[in-house]
Amino acid sequence: MSFPYQGWADDRFAAEARSPATPPCGLTRKQYAKHLRDVIMAMFGIGHTKNTIVGDHFVRGVSGGE
């Protein structure tokens, strides 16, 4: 679930929920989630939307195509 005024960079819940109990390379779960977010955004070519708000029916944000 994302909130309209929340940016993609703030939406780490899903990544943190899926992170292993002991992430590799001595990272914390938050560090692992942030790295995972950055890698996935780079894979899909949407890194430029990291600081854009999500939006909803009333608040303009990232388009459905992104």
N, C-alpha and C. Protein backbone atom coordinates (compact mmCIF):
# COMPACT_ATOMS: atom_id res chain seq x y z
N MET A 1 0.84 -1.17 0.00
CA MET A 1 0.00 0.00 0.00
C MET A 1 0.89 1.24 0.00
N SER A 2 0.57 2.17 -0.86
CA SER A 2 1.31 3.42 -0.92
C SER A 2 0.38 4.58 -0.62
N PHE A 3 0.90 5.60 0.00
CA PHE A 3 0.12 6.77 0.32
C PHE A 3 0.38 7.84 -0.73
N PRO A 4 -0.63 8.65 -1.09
CA PRO A 4 -0.50 9.61 -2.19
C PRO A 4 0.65 10.60 -2.04
N TYR A 5 0.91 11.05 -0.84
CA TYR A 5 1.97 12.05 -0.65
C TYR A 5 3.31 11.43 -0.33
N GLN A 6 3.40 10.14 -0.43
CA GLN A 6 4.63 9.42 -0.13
C GLN A 6 5.41 9.22 -1.43
N GLY A 7 6.71 9.42 -1.38
CA GLY A 7 7.53 9.21 -2.56
C GLY A 7 7.93 7.75 -2.68
N TRP A 8 8.35 7.35 -3.87
CA TRP A 8 8.79 5.98 -4.07
C TRP A 8 9.95 5.63 -3.14
N ALA A 9 10.81 6.59 -2.90
CA ALA A 9 11.97 6.34 -2.05
C ALA A 9 11.57 6.04 -0.62
N ASP A 10 10.40 6.50 -0.20
CA ASP A 10 9.93 6.27 1.16
C ASP A 10 9.21 4.94 1.32
N ASP A 11 8.87 4.31 0.23
CA ASP A 11 8.05 3.10 0.26
C ASP A 11 8.95 1.87 0.35
N ARG A 12 9.54 1.64 1.52
CA ARG A 12 10.46 0.53 1.72
C ARG A 12 9.81 -0.66 2.38
N PHE A 13 8.55 -0.55 2.76
CA PHE A 13 7.92 -1.61 3.53
C PHE A 13 8.01 -2.96 2.84
N ALA A 14 7.67 -3.01 1.56
CA ALA A 14 7.66 -4.28 0.83
C ALA A 14 9.07 -4.87 0.77
N ALA A 15 10.06 -4.05 0.51
CA ALA A 15 11.43 -4.55 0.43
C ALA A 15 11.92 -5.02 1.80
N GLU A 16 11.57 -4.28 2.85
CA GLU A 16 11.99 -4.70 4.20
C GLU A 16 11.27 -5.98 4.60
N ALA A 17 10.02 -6.13 4.22
CA ALA A 17 9.26 -7.33 4.57
C ALA A 17 9.83 -8.56 3.87
N ARG A 18 10.40 -8.38 2.69
CA ARG A 18 10.94 -9.51 1.93
C ARG A 18 12.44 -9.73 2.16
N SER A 19 13.06 -8.88 2.94
CA SER A 19 14.50 -9.04 3.16
C SER A 19 14.77 -10.23 4.08
N PRO A 20 15.89 -10.89 3.88
CA PRO A 20 16.21 -12.04 4.73
C PRO A 20 16.48 -11.60 6.17
N ALA A 21 16.32 -12.52 7.10
CA ALA A 21 16.55 -12.21 8.52
C ALA A 21 17.98 -11.73 8.75
N THR A 22 18.93 -12.32 8.04
CA THR A 22 20.32 -11.88 8.11
C THR A 22 20.79 -11.55 6.69
N PRO A 23 20.68 -10.30 6.28
CA PRO A 23 21.10 -9.91 4.93
C PRO A 23 22.59 -10.16 4.69
N PRO A 24 22.99 -10.35 3.43
CA PRO A 24 24.38 -10.63 3.12
C PRO A 24 25.30 -9.42 3.37
N CYS A 25 26.57 -9.69 3.45
CA CYS A 25 27.62 -8.68 3.56
C CYS A 25 27.51 -7.81 4.81
N GLY A 26 26.85 -8.29 5.85
CA GLY A 26 26.76 -7.54 7.10
C GLY A 26 25.88 -6.31 7.03
N LEU A 27 24.99 -6.22 6.04
CA LEU A 27 24.09 -5.09 5.93
C LEU A 27 22.94 -5.23 6.93
N THR A 28 22.37 -4.10 7.30
CA THR A 28 21.15 -4.14 8.10
C THR A 28 19.99 -4.37 7.15
N ARG A 29 18.81 -4.68 7.69
CA ARG A 29 17.64 -4.90 6.84
C ARG A 29 17.26 -3.62 6.09
N LYS A 30 17.40 -2.46 6.74
CA LYS A 30 17.08 -1.19 6.07
C LYS A 30 18.06 -0.90 4.94
N GLN A 31 19.35 -1.16 5.17
CA GLN A 31 20.35 -0.94 4.12
C GLN A 31 20.09 -1.88 2.94
N TYR A 32 19.77 -3.13 3.25
CA TYR A 32 19.48 -4.11 2.21
C TYR A 32 18.26 -3.69 1.40
N ALA A 33 17.21 -3.23 2.09
CA ALA A 33 15.98 -2.80 1.41
C ALA A 33 16.24 -1.60 0.52
N LYS A 34 17.04 -0.65 0.99
CA LYS A 34 17.37 0.53 0.19
C LYS A 34 18.16 0.14 -1.05
N HIS A 35 19.13 -0.76 -0.88
CA HIS A 35 19.92 -1.22 -2.02
C HIS A 35 19.04 -1.98 -3.01
N LEU A 36 18.17 -2.84 -2.51
CA LEU A 36 17.26 -3.60 -3.36
C LEU A 36 16.35 -2.66 -4.15
N ARG A 37 15.82 -1.62 -3.48
CA ARG A 37 14.98 -0.63 -4.15
C ARG A 37 15.74 0.05 -5.28
N ASP A 38 16.98 0.46 -5.01
CA ASP A 38 17.78 1.16 -6.02
C ASP A 38 18.10 0.26 -7.21
N VAL A 39 18.38 -1.02 -6.94
CA VAL A 39 18.69 -1.96 -8.02
C VAL A 39 17.46 -2.19 -8.89
N ILE A 40 16.30 -2.40 -8.26
CA ILE A 40 15.08 -2.65 -9.02
C ILE A 40 14.69 -1.43 -9.84
N MET A 41 14.82 -0.24 -9.26
CA MET A 41 14.48 0.97 -10.00
C MET A 41 15.43 1.16 -11.18
N ALA A 42 16.69 0.80 -11.02
CA ALA A 42 17.65 0.90 -12.12
C ALA A 42 17.31 -0.12 -13.22
N MET A 43 16.90 -1.33 -12.82
CA MET A 43 16.55 -2.37 -13.79
C MET A 43 15.38 -1.92 -14.68
N PHE A 44 14.40 -1.26 -14.09
CA PHE A 44 13.23 -0.83 -14.84
C PHE A 44 13.39 0.57 -15.45
N GLY A 45 14.52 1.21 -15.18
CA GLY A 45 14.78 2.53 -15.76
C GLY A 45 13.89 3.62 -15.19
N ILE A 46 13.52 3.50 -13.92
CA ILE A 46 12.65 4.50 -13.30
C ILE A 46 13.33 5.19 -12.13
N GLY A 47 14.65 5.21 -12.14
CA GLY A 47 15.38 5.88 -11.07
C GLY A 47 15.06 7.36 -10.96
N HIS A 48 14.67 7.96 -12.08
CA HIS A 48 14.34 9.39 -12.08
C HIS A 48 13.05 9.68 -11.31
N THR A 49 12.28 8.67 -10.97
CA THR A 49 11.02 8.88 -10.23
C THR A 49 11.19 8.68 -8.74
N LYS A 50 12.42 8.47 -8.28
CA LYS A 50 12.65 8.14 -6.87
C LYS A 50 12.06 9.16 -5.91
N ASN A 51 12.14 10.43 -6.23
CA ASN A 51 11.66 11.48 -5.34
C ASN A 51 10.30 12.03 -5.75
N THR A 52 9.63 11.36 -6.67
CA THR A 52 8.31 11.78 -7.12
C THR A 52 7.26 11.13 -6.23
N ILE A 53 6.23 11.90 -5.87
CA ILE A 53 5.19 11.32 -5.03
C ILE A 53 4.38 10.30 -5.82
N VAL A 54 3.75 9.38 -5.11
CA VAL A 54 2.99 8.31 -5.73
C VAL A 54 1.73 8.86 -6.39
N GLY A 55 0.95 9.63 -5.65
CA GLY A 55 -0.27 10.22 -6.19
C GLY A 55 -1.46 9.27 -6.09
N ASP A 56 -2.62 9.81 -6.40
CA ASP A 56 -3.85 9.04 -6.44
C ASP A 56 -4.83 9.75 -7.35
N HIS A 57 -6.13 9.53 -7.17
CA HIS A 57 -7.14 10.15 -8.03
C HIS A 57 -7.17 11.67 -7.88
N PHE A 58 -6.78 12.16 -6.72
CA PHE A 58 -6.86 13.59 -6.44
C PHE A 58 -5.51 14.30 -6.47
N VAL A 59 -4.44 13.57 -6.24
CA VAL A 59 -3.10 14.14 -6.16
C VAL A 59 -2.29 13.62 -7.35
N ARG A 60 -1.73 14.53 -8.13
CA ARG A 60 -0.95 14.15 -9.30
C ARG A 60 0.39 13.59 -8.85
N GLY A 61 0.77 12.45 -9.39
CA GLY A 61 2.04 11.81 -9.02
C GLY A 61 2.62 11.06 -10.19
N VAL A 62 3.27 9.95 -9.93
CA VAL A 62 3.87 9.11 -10.97
C VAL A 62 2.77 8.54 -11.84
N SER A 63 3.00 8.49 -13.14
CA SER A 63 1.98 7.95 -14.06
C SER A 63 1.88 6.45 -13.92
N GLY A 64 0.78 5.89 -14.36
CA GLY A 64 0.58 4.44 -14.30
C GLY A 64 1.58 3.68 -15.13
N GLY A 65 2.12 4.32 -16.17
CA GLY A 65 3.12 3.67 -17.01
C GLY A 65 4.47 3.55 -16.35
N GLU A 66 4.69 4.34 -15.30
CA GLU A 66 5.97 4.26 -14.60
C GLU A 66 5.74 3.47 -13.35
